[in-house]
Amino acid sequence: MESSCSGCPTESSCSGTCPTVPEQTEAQKLSDVKNVIAVMSGKGGVGKSSVTSMLAVSLMRQGYKVGVLDADITGPSIPKIFGVSTKTEASEFGITPSTTENGIKIISLNLMIENEDDPVVWRGPIISQLVKQFWTDVIWGNLDYLLIDLPPGTGDVPISVFQSIPVDGVVMVSSPQQLANMVVRKAIKMGNLYEANFYGLIENMAYVECPDCDKRLEIFGKPHGEQEAKANNIPYLGELPIDPKLAEMADAGKIEEYHSDKFDQITKQILQQTSDSPENK
């Protein structure tokens, strides 16, 4: 086995003491994941998991094989959004992810514990190790896209993901509040430490449309996503409104029935930057 410092921010000055590259696990031998996209936010409450889920659904509708790795261990919401309650199964070869009605593969701690509302009172190193195992020990099979729903912030889990999983690109999610924009800059700077490839920034909850007069109401303040993206030298993917229908369908576990033309346009922009895009083949 060869030494490797890939993904380490000190790669250029590494002393050679980084861990050696491990041999493939049985699960990895049975898996072929073409593109890994991490969905990241600086702070919580910006709808990152909803964006991850909508991206998964949009990719699935375009004929791609998709999986979602729920890395938000202490606050997992992906199974609830998709209405998945079937527990994962384990064998001598690895862990088999659960599957949504339309074939999206999902792995989440909430699909491994007895009750979905049981708290996960674990320290960072244990959580980080589990996230790594979601990559090494899960039989993902053949996937065109694996989406990683990261927890908010720049802590143990994002560090572990950038260091141990071959992330092809990152989608940033923010909202109009100045606080959210400030914290998203921290997350972008962290990604830059690991030479992350940013597919772009989505400004979520940018406005709401009045159901009676169709007037645009910017209840969280004037959107600044396009300016933030430009200032941080990453693409701007667009803005999304607050949609009560989305919240209703996510609560009901029917996200796969939700349609958004705006999000389909965002997905097309992301696809143009991935290796699976027809333009890049």
Protein backbone atom coordinates (compact mmCIF):
# COMPACT_ATOMS: atom_id res chain seq x y z
CA MET A 1 0.00 0.00 0.00
CA GLU A 2 1.24 3.46 -0.89
CA SER A 3 1.24 6.50 1.32
CA SER A 4 -1.29 9.16 0.44
CA CYS A 5 -2.06 12.67 1.60
CA SER A 6 -4.87 13.24 -0.89
CA GLY A 7 -7.42 15.64 0.52
CA CYS A 8 -5.11 16.87 3.26
CA PRO A 9 -4.72 20.68 3.38
CA THR A 10 -1.04 20.23 4.28
CA GLU A 11 -0.35 17.87 1.39
CA SER A 12 2.41 20.01 -0.09
CA SER A 13 4.35 20.01 3.17
CA CYS A 14 3.39 16.56 4.44
CA SER A 15 6.05 14.76 6.45
CA GLY A 16 4.94 11.36 5.20
CA THR A 17 3.18 10.36 8.40
CA CYS A 18 -0.34 10.39 6.90
CA PRO A 19 -2.26 7.08 7.01
CA THR A 20 -1.70 4.63 4.19
CA VAL A 21 -4.47 3.99 1.68
CA PRO A 22 -6.62 1.11 3.00
CA GLU A 23 -7.57 -1.84 0.86
CA GLN A 24 -11.06 -1.83 -0.57
CA THR A 25 -13.75 -3.35 1.62
CA GLU A 26 -16.11 -5.99 0.28
CA ALA A 27 -18.84 -3.35 0.05
CA GLN A 28 -16.62 -1.06 -2.02
CA LYS A 29 -15.79 -3.91 -4.39
CA LEU A 30 -19.54 -4.29 -4.99
CA SER A 31 -20.06 -0.56 -5.55
CA ASP A 32 -19.39 1.81 -8.42
CA VAL A 33 -20.21 5.43 -7.59
CA LYS A 34 -19.44 7.76 -10.49
CA ASN A 35 -20.05 11.17 -8.89
CA VAL A 36 -20.11 12.28 -5.24
CA ILE A 37 -21.75 15.62 -4.44
CA ALA A 38 -21.65 17.10 -0.94
CA VAL A 39 -24.46 19.49 -0.01
CA MET A 40 -23.15 21.93 2.57
CA SER A 41 -24.32 24.95 4.55
CA GLY A 42 -22.66 27.25 7.02
CA LYS A 43 -25.55 27.17 9.47
CA GLY A 44 -28.66 25.16 10.17
CA GLY A 45 -32.18 26.15 9.23
CA VAL A 46 -31.52 27.02 5.58
CA GLY A 47 -33.25 23.95 4.14
CA LYS A 48 -30.12 22.00 3.22
CA SER A 49 -31.76 18.58 3.59
CA SER A 50 -34.72 19.69 1.48
CA VAL A 51 -32.32 20.87 -1.22
CA THR A 52 -30.44 17.56 -1.06
CA SER A 53 -33.71 15.65 -1.41
CA MET A 54 -34.96 17.77 -4.30
CA LEU A 55 -31.64 17.32 -6.10
CA ALA A 56 -31.88 13.56 -5.64
CA VAL A 57 -35.43 13.51 -7.01
CA SER A 58 -34.57 15.76 -9.95
CA LEU A 59 -31.61 13.57 -10.91
CA MET A 60 -33.73 10.43 -10.56
CA ARG A 61 -36.40 11.85 -12.88
CA GLN A 62 -33.72 12.45 -15.51
CA GLY A 63 -32.88 8.76 -15.49
CA TYR A 64 -29.85 8.73 -13.19
CA LYS A 65 -29.25 6.17 -10.45
CA VAL A 66 -29.05 8.12 -7.20
CA GLY A 67 -28.17 7.55 -3.55
CA VAL A 68 -28.27 9.81 -0.49
CA LEU A 69 -25.81 9.50 2.39
CA ASP A 70 -27.31 11.22 5.43
CA ALA A 71 -24.21 12.52 7.23
CA ASP A 72 -26.20 14.68 9.63
CA ILE A 73 -25.95 11.97 12.27
CA THR A 74 -27.44 13.80 15.25
CA GLY A 75 -30.20 15.47 13.25
CA PRO A 76 -31.08 13.08 10.41
CA SER A 77 -34.12 14.05 8.38
CA ILE A 78 -33.61 12.34 5.01
CA PRO A 79 -35.62 9.16 5.84
CA LYS A 80 -38.56 11.25 7.07
CA ILE A 81 -38.55 13.46 3.97
CA PHE A 82 -38.64 10.40 1.70
CA GLY A 83 -41.08 8.46 3.86
CA VAL A 84 -38.64 5.59 4.31
CA SER A 85 -38.85 3.51 7.49
CA THR A 86 -37.50 0.14 6.31
CA LYS A 87 -34.39 -0.64 8.32
CA THR A 88 -31.08 -1.28 6.61
CA GLU A 89 -29.76 -4.82 6.49
CA ALA A 90 -26.23 -6.08 7.13
CA SER A 91 -24.42 -9.11 5.76
CA GLU A 92 -20.87 -10.40 5.58
CA PHE A 93 -20.37 -8.17 2.53
CA GLY A 94 -21.66 -4.93 4.02
CA ILE A 95 -24.73 -2.84 4.71
CA THR A 96 -27.59 -2.72 2.22
CA PRO A 97 -29.16 0.75 2.05
CA SER A 98 -32.91 1.28 2.18
CA THR A 99 -34.70 2.32 -0.98
CA THR A 100 -37.41 4.88 -1.68
CA GLU A 101 -40.52 4.15 -3.74
CA ASN A 102 -38.76 5.38 -6.89
CA GLY A 103 -35.46 3.60 -6.30
CA ILE A 104 -33.30 6.23 -4.58
CA LYS A 105 -30.92 4.48 -2.16
CA ILE A 106 -30.65 5.94 1.34
CA ILE A 107 -28.38 5.34 4.31
CA SER A 108 -29.05 7.10 7.60
CA LEU A 109 -28.53 6.33 11.25
CA ASN A 110 -32.28 6.71 11.74
CA LEU A 111 -32.70 3.57 9.62
CA MET A 112 -30.49 1.65 12.06
CA ILE A 113 -31.88 2.64 15.46
CA GLU A 114 -35.05 1.25 17.03
CA ASN A 115 -36.98 4.50 17.37
CA GLU A 116 -36.53 7.44 15.00
CA ASP A 117 -36.79 9.96 17.85
CA ASP A 118 -34.14 8.33 20.05
CA PRO A 119 -31.32 10.85 20.62
CA VAL A 120 -27.79 10.16 19.40
CA VAL A 121 -25.55 11.25 22.27
CA TRP A 122 -22.16 10.59 20.70
CA ARG A 123 -18.91 12.49 20.61
CA GLY A 124 -17.41 13.77 17.38
CA PRO A 125 -14.87 10.99 16.68
CA ILE A 126 -17.56 8.28 16.88
CA ILE A 127 -19.86 10.24 14.57
CA SER A 128 -17.03 10.82 12.10
CA GLN A 129 -16.17 7.13 12.06
CA LEU A 130 -19.77 6.20 11.29
CA VAL A 131 -19.86 8.61 8.37
CA LYS A 132 -16.71 7.00 6.98
CA GLN A 133 -18.36 3.59 7.31
CA PHE A 134 -21.36 4.86 5.38
CA TRP A 135 -18.90 5.13 2.49
CA THR A 136 -16.71 2.06 3.06
CA ASP A 137 -19.23 -0.46 4.43
CA VAL A 138 -22.40 0.30 2.47
CA ILE A 139 -23.11 -1.63 -0.72
CA TRP A 140 -24.14 1.27 -2.94
CA GLY A 141 -24.04 -0.76 -6.14
CA ASN A 142 -23.94 1.19 -9.39
CA LEU A 143 -24.76 4.86 -8.83
CA ASP A 144 -24.45 7.83 -11.12
CA TYR A 145 -24.71 10.26 -8.20
CA LEU A 146 -24.25 9.92 -4.46
CA LEU A 147 -25.39 12.99 -2.55
CA ILE A 148 -24.00 13.63 0.93
CA ASP A 149 -26.24 15.66 3.23
CA LEU A 150 -23.67 17.25 5.52
CA PRO A 151 -24.48 18.68 8.95
CA PRO A 152 -24.23 22.48 9.18
CA GLY A 153 -20.92 24.08 10.06
CA THR A 154 -17.28 23.14 9.61
CA GLY A 155 -16.80 20.51 12.31
CA ASP A 156 -15.73 16.88 12.51
CA VAL A 157 -18.08 15.42 9.90
CA PRO A 158 -17.30 17.80 7.00
CA ILE A 159 -13.60 17.38 7.77
CA SER A 160 -13.92 13.59 7.70
CA VAL A 161 -15.92 13.67 4.47
CA PHE A 162 -13.36 15.84 2.66
CA GLN A 163 -10.48 13.73 3.95
CA SER A 164 -11.88 10.23 3.43
CA ILE A 165 -14.49 10.37 0.65
CA PRO A 166 -13.69 11.32 -2.98
CA VAL A 167 -16.02 14.32 -3.24
CA ASP A 168 -16.30 15.52 -6.83
CA GLY A 169 -18.11 18.74 -6.07
CA VAL A 170 -19.90 20.80 -3.43
CA VAL A 171 -23.26 22.57 -3.56
CA MET A 172 -23.59 25.39 -1.02
CA VAL A 173 -26.99 26.31 0.43
CA SER A 174 -27.69 29.65 2.03
CA SER A 175 -30.63 31.95 2.80
CA PRO A 176 -31.04 35.74 2.63
CA GLN A 177 -30.18 36.53 6.26
CA GLN A 178 -26.87 38.34 6.72
CA LEU A 179 -25.92 35.83 9.42
CA ALA A 180 -26.38 32.94 7.00
CA ASN A 181 -24.25 34.67 4.39
CA MET A 182 -21.48 35.33 6.89
CA VAL A 183 -21.39 31.71 8.01
CA VAL A 184 -21.56 30.32 4.48
CA ARG A 185 -18.34 32.22 3.74
CA LYS A 186 -16.70 30.24 6.54
CA ALA A 187 -17.88 26.99 4.95
CA ILE A 188 -16.59 28.03 1.53
CA LYS A 189 -13.20 28.91 3.01
CA MET A 190 -13.10 25.52 4.69
CA GLY A 191 -13.84 23.81 1.38
CA ASN A 192 -11.04 25.79 -0.22
CA LEU A 193 -8.61 24.34 2.34
CA TYR A 194 -9.40 20.93 0.85
CA GLU A 195 -9.35 22.24 -2.73
CA ALA A 196 -13.06 21.47 -3.08
CA ASN A 197 -14.71 21.97 -6.44
CA PHE A 198 -17.78 24.16 -5.88
CA TYR A 199 -20.63 23.55 -8.31
CA GLY A 200 -22.25 26.65 -6.95
CA LEU A 201 -24.49 28.34 -4.40
CA ILE A 202 -28.27 28.03 -4.03
CA GLU A 203 -30.11 30.72 -2.10
CA ASN A 204 -33.04 28.96 -0.46
CA MET A 205 -36.12 30.63 1.07
CA ALA A 206 -35.37 33.77 -0.92
CA TYR A 207 -39.00 34.88 -1.07
CA VAL A 208 -42.60 33.73 -0.83
CA GLU A 209 -45.35 34.41 -3.32
CA CYS A 210 -48.60 35.81 -1.95
CA PRO A 211 -51.32 33.27 -2.86
CA ASP A 212 -53.87 36.05 -3.38
CA CYS A 213 -51.97 38.70 -5.35
CA ASP A 214 -48.85 36.81 -6.57
CA LYS A 215 -46.70 39.55 -5.05
CA ARG A 216 -43.14 38.58 -4.15
CA LEU A 217 -42.52 38.96 -0.41
CA GLU A 218 -38.89 38.87 0.80
CA ILE A 219 -39.65 38.01 4.41
CA PHE A 220 -36.04 37.19 5.33
CA GLY A 221 -34.64 40.31 3.72
CA LYS A 222 -33.29 41.11 0.30
CA PRO A 223 -31.51 38.11 -1.28
CA HIS A 224 -27.75 38.42 -1.63
CA GLY A 225 -26.93 34.99 -3.02
CA GLU A 226 -25.70 36.14 -6.41
CA GLN A 227 -23.39 38.72 -4.83
CA GLU A 228 -22.10 36.18 -2.30
CA ALA A 229 -21.35 33.66 -5.01
CA LYS A 230 -19.50 36.26 -7.07
CA ALA A 231 -17.54 37.48 -4.05
CA ASN A 232 -16.45 33.93 -3.26
CA ASN A 233 -15.68 33.10 -6.90
CA ILE A 234 -18.17 30.25 -7.21
CA PRO A 235 -21.11 29.86 -9.62
CA TYR A 236 -24.54 31.14 -8.65
CA LEU A 237 -27.12 28.42 -9.24
CA GLY A 238 -30.23 30.43 -8.46
CA GLU A 239 -32.81 31.15 -5.78
CA LEU A 240 -35.69 29.09 -4.45
CA PRO A 241 -38.90 30.36 -2.85
CA ILE A 242 -40.51 29.30 0.37
CA ASP A 243 -43.14 26.82 -0.81
CA PRO A 244 -45.74 25.57 1.69
CA LYS A 245 -46.42 22.65 -0.66
CA LEU A 246 -42.81 21.49 -0.30
CA ALA A 247 -43.03 21.63 3.49
CA GLU A 248 -46.31 19.71 3.40
CA MET A 249 -44.97 16.95 1.15
CA ALA A 250 -41.68 16.66 3.07
CA ASP A 251 -43.61 16.26 6.33
CA ALA A 252 -45.72 13.58 4.68
CA GLY A 253 -42.66 11.76 3.33
CA LYS A 254 -43.74 12.38 -0.26
CA ILE A 255 -40.87 14.49 -1.55
CA GLU A 256 -40.70 12.32 -4.67
CA GLU A 257 -44.10 13.71 -5.70
CA TYR A 258 -42.94 17.33 -5.48
CA HIS A 259 -42.16 19.15 -8.73
CA SER A 260 -40.19 22.35 -9.13
CA ASP A 261 -39.29 23.79 -12.52
CA LYS A 262 -36.89 26.18 -10.79
CA PHE A 263 -35.02 23.31 -9.19
CA ASP A 264 -34.88 21.34 -12.44
CA GLN A 265 -33.05 24.32 -13.95
CA ILE A 266 -30.61 24.30 -11.03
CA THR A 267 -30.02 20.57 -11.52
CA LYS A 268 -29.20 21.13 -15.19
CA GLN A 269 -26.55 23.69 -14.20
CA ILE A 270 -24.98 21.20 -11.79
CA LEU A 271 -25.07 18.42 -14.37
CA GLN A 272 -23.17 20.58 -16.85
CA GLN A 273 -20.24 20.58 -14.41
CA THR A 274 -20.12 16.87 -13.58
CA SER A 275 -18.26 14.08 -15.32
CA ASP A 276 -21.57 12.38 -16.18
CA SER A 277 -22.74 15.36 -18.22
CA PRO A 278 -23.00 14.72 -21.99
CA GLU A 279 -20.92 17.87 -22.51
CA ASN A 280 -18.07 16.35 -20.52
CA LYS A 281 -18.03 12.92 -22.07
